[in-house]
Amino acid sequence: MAVRNSSAVKRHKQSEVRRVANKAVKSTVRTSAKKYVASVHANDTDTAGTLLRQLVKELDTAARKGIIARNAAARKKSRMQKLYNATFAAK
């Protein structure tokens, strides 16, 4: 068997830990977005407002950590706010 480079093994372990952590954060963001969209379509103003604030916080955190791009987070926040305004502005 070939000799393994110990720094490469360590780097692989580190990247695996980061991959799992990043996957969890992305999953949380997607779940929050789905809950928010469902509450908007159900015309639940109070819950939608609360979930929107939570979603924005999660997107900002993910962007700050570099898990998603800064502009991607801004785009998603903008679209979700636009959905909220279009749905509840007439009320």
Protein backbone atom coordinates (compact mmCIF):
# COMPACT_ATOMS: atom_id res chain seq x y z
CA MET A 1 0.00 0.00 0.00
CA ALA A 2 1.20 3.49 -0.77
CA VAL A 3 2.28 5.87 1.98
CA ARG A 4 -0.46 8.36 2.83
CA ASN A 5 0.22 12.04 3.20
CA SER A 6 -0.86 12.88 6.74
CA SER A 7 -1.72 16.49 5.90
CA ALA A 8 -3.98 15.33 3.07
CA VAL A 9 -5.75 12.94 5.42
CA LYS A 10 -6.24 15.70 7.98
CA ARG A 11 -7.50 18.11 5.32
CA HIS A 12 -9.99 15.50 4.11
CA LYS A 13 -11.33 15.01 7.65
CA GLN A 14 -11.71 18.78 8.09
CA SER A 15 -13.54 19.20 4.81
CA GLU A 16 -15.89 16.34 5.68
CA VAL A 17 -16.79 17.96 9.01
CA ARG A 18 -17.43 21.30 7.28
CA ARG A 19 -19.48 19.64 4.54
CA VAL A 20 -21.82 18.05 7.07
CA ALA A 21 -22.20 21.29 9.04
CA ASN A 22 -22.86 23.33 5.88
CA LYS A 23 -25.40 20.77 4.71
CA ALA A 24 -27.29 21.13 7.99
CA VAL A 25 -27.42 24.93 7.68
CA LYS A 26 -28.62 24.78 4.06
CA SER A 27 -31.28 22.27 5.06
CA THR A 28 -32.48 24.54 7.86
CA VAL A 29 -32.74 27.48 5.46
CA ARG A 30 -34.71 25.44 2.92
CA THR A 31 -37.07 24.14 5.62
CA SER A 32 -37.69 27.66 6.92
CA ALA A 33 -38.40 28.89 3.40
CA LYS A 34 -40.93 26.12 2.82
CA LYS A 35 -42.69 26.84 6.12
CA TYR A 36 -42.79 30.54 5.30
CA VAL A 37 -44.23 30.03 1.81
CA ALA A 38 -46.84 27.63 3.19
CA SER A 39 -47.93 30.18 5.80
CA VAL A 40 -48.16 32.92 3.16
CA HIS A 41 -50.31 30.72 0.91
CA ALA A 42 -52.50 29.95 3.93
CA ASN A 43 -52.96 33.74 4.44
CA ASP A 44 -51.64 33.58 8.00
CA THR A 45 -50.23 37.08 8.47
CA ASP A 46 -48.84 36.72 11.99
CA THR A 47 -47.08 33.42 11.40
CA ALA A 48 -45.75 34.56 8.03
CA GLY A 49 -44.24 37.69 9.59
CA THR A 50 -42.55 35.68 12.31
CA LEU A 51 -41.26 33.08 9.86
CA LEU A 52 -40.00 35.80 7.51
CA ARG A 53 -37.91 37.35 10.26
CA GLN A 54 -36.55 33.91 11.18
CA LEU A 55 -35.76 33.13 7.53
CA VAL A 56 -33.94 36.44 7.06
CA LYS A 57 -31.85 35.76 10.16
CA GLU A 58 -30.92 32.27 8.93
CA LEU A 59 -30.04 33.56 5.45
CA ASP A 60 -27.86 36.31 6.91
CA THR A 61 -26.09 33.83 9.17
CA ALA A 62 -25.46 31.42 6.29
CA ALA A 63 -24.14 34.26 4.13
CA ARG A 64 -21.89 35.54 6.91
CA LYS A 65 -20.40 32.08 7.35
CA GLY A 66 -19.86 31.75 3.60
CA ILE A 67 -22.20 28.78 3.27
CA ILE A 68 -24.24 30.59 0.64
CA ALA A 69 -23.16 33.59 -1.41
CA ARG A 70 -24.00 37.04 -0.08
CA ASN A 71 -25.91 38.01 -3.21
CA ALA A 72 -27.84 34.73 -3.18
CA ALA A 73 -28.99 35.48 0.36
CA ALA A 74 -30.00 39.00 -0.64
CA ARG A 75 -31.91 37.67 -3.64
CA LYS A 76 -33.81 35.12 -1.55
CA LYS A 77 -34.66 37.71 1.10
CA SER A 78 -35.90 40.09 -1.57
CA ARG A 79 -38.10 37.47 -3.19
CA MET A 80 -39.60 36.38 0.12
CA GLN A 81 -40.32 39.98 1.14
CA LYS A 82 -41.86 40.61 -2.27
CA LEU A 83 -44.14 37.59 -1.80
CA TYR A 84 -45.18 38.86 1.61
CA ASN A 85 -45.94 42.35 0.33
CA ALA A 86 -47.87 41.09 -2.68
CA THR A 87 -49.99 38.79 -0.53
CA PHE A 88 -50.72 41.01 2.47
CA ALA A 89 -50.52 44.56 1.06
CA ALA A 90 -54.22 44.69 0.16
CA LYS A 91 -55.26 43.71 3.68
